Amino acid sequence: MTASPKRAGGQRRSPAQAARRAARVAAVQAIYQMDLAGTDVTDVIREFTTERFPNAAMAPEPGEETETFAGADPTFFGEIVRGVVRRQRDIDPMIDQQLAIGWRLKRIETTLRAILRAGSYELIERHDVPARVVINEYIDISHAFFDEDEPKVANGVLDRLARRLRVAEFEGQPGQPGQQPAASAEPASEAGTEQRAETASPPDTTDAPSGAAEAAHEPPPGRASE
């Protein structure tokens, strides 16, 4: 039981960059599966790394779609999934605080909820990955699953969290993502190509239709999840 992305990103990526993107997509699907089916974290990681990753690398039968996480980095995948589970009591209230009045994380569509949790984990713990890379990666992943307002929610929530959690990366640039850290374990090609400042800035949802985009409006202070 997983969510299925409608399309894969068209951007050209190095092998290391593509492996991390595929791991992020797989992590979102694994978190989605755990959320809906209550699958144990150990079981879902085993399922993906021993069954779905190898199958994704195989040539599909005629008429079948290829898995979008072919070539995924299994270590990075496991770190994201385990990290979300381990830090969920921290992550969920943080996301709640970035949502609009009257919105809670539990009201958000399940796939989008998985995207926000995975992105938030990386912002909290993966300081080897620049904040701008995290934001843009999960915006791109949300575009692979959604055509409407959900990417705006991912943009707004993750951008505000990044400015709160990675203050040093945003100093002196109130309207734009901050400078990348000098030392980063993220593949250089990934850090070098994710420069879309206009994508990572908070969204303007003034004229957006009611629905998912409403969740991206400015939040009240200090709301925690139930």
Protein backbone atom coordinates (compact mmCIF):
# COMPACT_ATOMS: atom_id res chain seq x y z
CA MET A 1 0.00 0.00 0.00
CA THR A 2 1.78 3.10 -1.24
CA ALA A 3 0.95 6.39 -2.87
CA SER A 4 1.87 6.49 -6.55
CA PRO A 5 3.55 9.56 -8.05
CA LYS A 6 2.05 10.66 -11.35
CA ARG A 7 5.40 11.53 -12.88
CA ALA A 8 9.08 11.62 -12.12
CA GLY A 9 11.13 14.80 -12.11
CA GLY A 10 12.65 15.63 -15.47
CA GLN A 11 15.78 17.32 -14.14
CA ARG A 12 19.07 15.65 -15.03
CA ARG A 13 20.85 14.35 -11.94
CA SER A 14 24.17 12.76 -11.11
CA PRO A 15 24.02 9.13 -9.90
CA ALA A 16 24.49 10.17 -6.26
CA GLN A 17 21.86 12.90 -6.59
CA ALA A 18 19.41 10.54 -8.29
CA ALA A 19 19.97 7.91 -5.59
CA ARG A 20 19.04 10.38 -2.87
CA ARG A 21 16.00 11.67 -4.78
CA ALA A 22 14.78 8.09 -5.24
CA ALA A 23 15.38 7.39 -1.54
CA ARG A 24 13.29 10.44 -0.60
CA VAL A 25 10.43 9.35 -2.85
CA ALA A 26 10.58 5.85 -1.38
CA ALA A 27 10.67 7.26 2.16
CA VAL A 28 7.55 9.32 1.49
CA GLN A 29 5.78 6.19 0.22
CA ALA A 30 6.97 4.14 3.21
CA ILE A 31 5.78 6.80 5.68
CA TYR A 32 2.46 6.93 3.83
CA GLN A 33 2.17 3.15 4.14
CA MET A 34 2.93 3.20 7.86
CA ASP A 35 0.41 6.00 8.41
CA LEU A 36 -2.45 4.23 6.62
CA ALA A 37 -1.77 0.58 7.41
CA GLY A 38 0.08 0.84 10.70
CA THR A 39 3.02 -1.11 9.28
CA ASP A 40 5.97 -1.50 11.64
CA VAL A 41 8.99 0.61 10.69
CA THR A 42 11.32 -2.40 10.59
CA ASP A 43 8.92 -4.32 8.38
CA VAL A 44 8.38 -1.48 5.93
CA ILE A 45 12.11 -0.82 5.59
CA ARG A 46 12.72 -4.53 4.97
CA GLU A 47 9.92 -4.62 2.37
CA PHE A 48 11.32 -1.69 0.42
CA THR A 49 15.01 -2.60 0.59
CA THR A 50 14.68 -6.34 -0.06
CA GLU A 51 11.68 -6.44 -2.40
CA ARG A 52 10.74 -3.13 -3.94
CA PHE A 53 14.17 -1.64 -4.58
CA PRO A 54 15.46 -4.74 -6.43
CA ASN A 55 12.21 -5.04 -8.39
CA ALA A 56 12.36 -1.37 -9.33
CA ALA A 57 15.72 -1.99 -10.98
CA MET A 58 14.32 -4.73 -13.21
CA ALA A 59 13.03 -4.03 -16.69
CA PRO A 60 9.22 -3.75 -16.56
CA GLU A 61 6.88 -6.02 -18.43
CA PRO A 62 5.09 -4.44 -21.41
CA GLY A 63 2.42 -2.08 -20.15
CA GLU A 64 3.86 -1.89 -16.61
CA GLU A 65 5.19 1.31 -15.07
CA THR A 66 8.69 1.46 -13.61
CA GLU A 67 9.07 2.28 -9.93
CA THR A 68 10.26 5.84 -9.34
CA PHE A 69 12.78 4.73 -6.70
CA ALA A 70 14.98 2.57 -8.91
CA GLY A 71 18.56 3.03 -7.72
CA ALA A 72 17.51 4.47 -4.35
CA ASP A 73 20.15 4.82 -1.67
CA PRO A 74 18.93 2.26 0.91
CA THR A 75 20.96 3.75 3.77
CA PHE A 76 19.59 7.25 3.24
CA PHE A 77 16.08 5.83 2.82
CA GLY A 78 16.30 3.97 6.13
CA GLU A 79 17.67 7.02 7.93
CA ILE A 80 14.73 9.16 6.80
CA VAL A 81 12.07 6.59 7.70
CA ARG A 82 13.57 5.73 11.08
CA GLY A 83 14.22 9.39 11.79
CA VAL A 84 10.61 10.38 11.13
CA VAL A 85 9.38 7.65 13.49
CA ARG A 86 11.93 8.53 16.16
CA ARG A 87 11.30 12.28 16.01
CA GLN A 88 7.58 12.28 15.22
CA ARG A 89 6.61 13.74 18.60
CA ASP A 90 8.85 16.71 17.79
CA ILE A 91 8.02 16.92 14.10
CA ASP A 92 4.22 16.94 14.22
CA PRO A 93 3.85 19.90 16.63
CA MET A 94 6.39 21.87 14.58
CA ILE A 95 4.36 21.30 11.42
CA ASP A 96 1.12 22.15 13.21
CA GLN A 97 2.59 25.49 14.23
CA GLN A 98 3.23 26.38 10.58
CA LEU A 99 -0.30 25.59 9.39
CA ALA A 100 -3.14 28.07 9.15
CA ILE A 101 -5.62 28.66 11.95
CA GLY A 102 -8.10 25.80 12.02
CA TRP A 103 -5.77 23.37 10.23
CA ARG A 104 -4.02 20.45 11.89
CA LEU A 105 -1.57 17.96 10.46
CA LYS A 106 -4.12 15.18 10.84
CA ARG A 107 -6.40 17.06 8.39
CA ILE A 108 -3.73 17.13 5.70
CA GLU A 109 -3.90 14.55 2.89
CA THR A 110 -1.87 11.46 3.84
CA THR A 111 0.77 11.75 1.10
CA LEU A 112 1.31 15.44 1.80
CA ARG A 113 1.58 14.63 5.50
CA ALA A 114 4.33 12.11 4.69
CA ILE A 115 6.15 14.71 2.56
CA LEU A 116 6.03 17.28 5.35
CA ARG A 117 7.25 14.79 7.96
CA ALA A 118 10.16 13.60 5.81
CA GLY A 119 11.21 17.14 4.91
CA SER A 120 10.93 18.27 8.52
CA TYR A 121 13.12 15.40 9.69
CA GLU A 122 15.84 16.42 7.26
CA LEU A 123 15.67 20.03 8.39
CA ILE A 124 15.91 18.98 12.05
CA GLU A 125 18.69 16.40 11.87
CA ARG A 126 20.38 16.34 8.46
CA HIS A 127 22.59 19.39 8.72
CA ASP A 128 24.83 17.84 6.07
CA VAL A 129 22.04 18.71 3.61
CA PRO A 130 21.55 22.46 2.95
CA ALA A 131 18.09 23.75 3.84
CA ARG A 132 17.49 25.00 0.29
CA VAL A 133 18.14 21.48 -1.03
CA VAL A 134 15.67 19.96 1.44
CA ILE A 135 12.96 22.49 0.55
CA ASN A 136 13.37 22.16 -3.21
CA GLU A 137 13.63 18.36 -3.13
CA TYR A 138 10.33 17.98 -1.30
CA ILE A 139 8.62 20.65 -3.39
CA ASP A 140 9.62 18.65 -6.47
CA ILE A 141 8.38 15.43 -4.88
CA SER A 142 5.06 17.06 -4.02
CA HIS A 143 4.71 18.14 -7.66
CA ALA A 144 5.19 14.48 -8.65
CA PHE A 145 2.13 13.53 -6.58
CA PHE A 146 -0.09 16.62 -6.87
CA ASP A 147 -1.21 19.08 -9.55
CA GLU A 148 -3.03 21.58 -7.35
CA ASP A 149 -2.29 23.44 -4.11
CA GLU A 150 -0.37 20.83 -2.12
CA PRO A 151 3.09 21.89 -3.38
CA LYS A 152 2.33 25.40 -2.09
CA VAL A 153 1.67 23.94 1.34
CA ALA A 154 4.94 21.98 1.24
CA ASN A 155 6.74 25.13 0.12
CA GLY A 156 5.30 27.35 2.85
CA VAL A 157 5.59 24.91 5.73
CA LEU A 158 9.12 23.73 4.98
CA ASP A 159 10.39 27.23 4.22
CA ARG A 160 9.12 28.57 7.56
CA LEU A 161 10.51 25.57 9.42
CA ALA A 162 13.87 26.02 7.71
CA ARG A 163 14.04 29.67 8.74
CA ARG A 164 13.30 28.63 12.31
CA LEU A 165 15.62 25.62 12.46
CA ARG A 166 18.49 26.77 10.19
CA VAL A 167 18.78 30.42 11.19
CA ALA A 168 22.42 30.71 10.17
CA GLU A 169 21.59 29.69 6.59
CA PHE A 170 19.10 32.55 6.23
CA GLU A 171 20.87 35.42 8.00
CA GLY A 172 20.94 38.60 5.96
CA GLN A 173 18.46 37.30 3.38
CA PRO A 174 14.97 37.84 4.86
CA GLY A 175 13.19 37.15 1.57
CA GLN A 176 15.35 34.44 0.10
CA PRO A 177 16.83 31.09 1.16
CA GLY A 178 20.14 31.44 2.95
CA GLN A 179 23.63 30.52 1.95
CA GLN A 180 24.53 26.87 1.93
CA PRO A 181 26.88 25.65 4.67
CA ALA A 182 30.51 25.61 3.67
CA ALA A 183 30.88 21.91 4.49
CA SER A 184 28.14 19.62 3.23
CA ALA A 185 28.01 15.87 2.81
CA GLU A 186 25.25 16.27 0.22
CA PRO A 187 26.48 15.53 -3.31
CA ALA A 188 27.97 18.71 -4.75
CA SER A 189 25.86 18.44 -7.89
CA GLU A 190 22.67 18.36 -5.84
CA ALA A 191 23.63 21.35 -3.73
CA GLY A 192 24.81 23.18 -6.83
CA THR A 193 21.67 22.73 -8.90
CA GLU A 194 19.01 23.38 -6.26
CA GLN A 195 19.13 27.19 -6.49
CA ARG A 196 15.50 28.02 -7.25
CA ALA A 197 15.05 30.79 -4.68
CA GLU A 198 11.68 31.73 -6.06
CA THR A 199 10.44 28.17 -5.48
CA ALA A 200 11.64 27.97 -1.90
CA SER A 201 10.18 31.30 -0.79
CA PRO A 202 6.87 31.37 1.11
CA PRO A 203 3.91 31.06 -1.26
CA ASP A 204 1.41 33.79 -2.02
CA THR A 205 -1.93 32.07 -1.51
CA THR A 206 -4.06 35.23 -1.44
CA ASP A 207 -6.04 34.19 -4.48
CA ALA A 208 -5.71 30.46 -4.02
CA PRO A 209 -8.92 28.42 -3.87
CA SER A 210 -10.08 27.04 -0.55
CA GLY A 211 -8.58 23.69 0.32
CA ALA A 212 -4.99 22.63 0.68
CA ALA A 213 -3.54 26.11 0.06
CA GLU A 214 -5.42 27.44 3.09
CA ALA A 215 -3.14 25.32 5.24
CA ALA A 216 -0.13 27.38 4.11
CA HIS A 217 -1.37 30.69 5.56
CA GLU A 218 0.46 32.25 8.48
CA PRO A 219 0.00 30.20 11.67
CA PRO A 220 -0.95 31.25 15.21
CA PRO A 221 1.89 30.89 17.75
CA GLY A 222 2.53 27.78 19.76
CA ARG A 223 -0.10 25.24 18.68
CA ALA A 224 0.85 21.64 19.35
CA SER A 225 -0.62 18.47 17.90
CA GLU A 226 -3.16 16.42 19.76
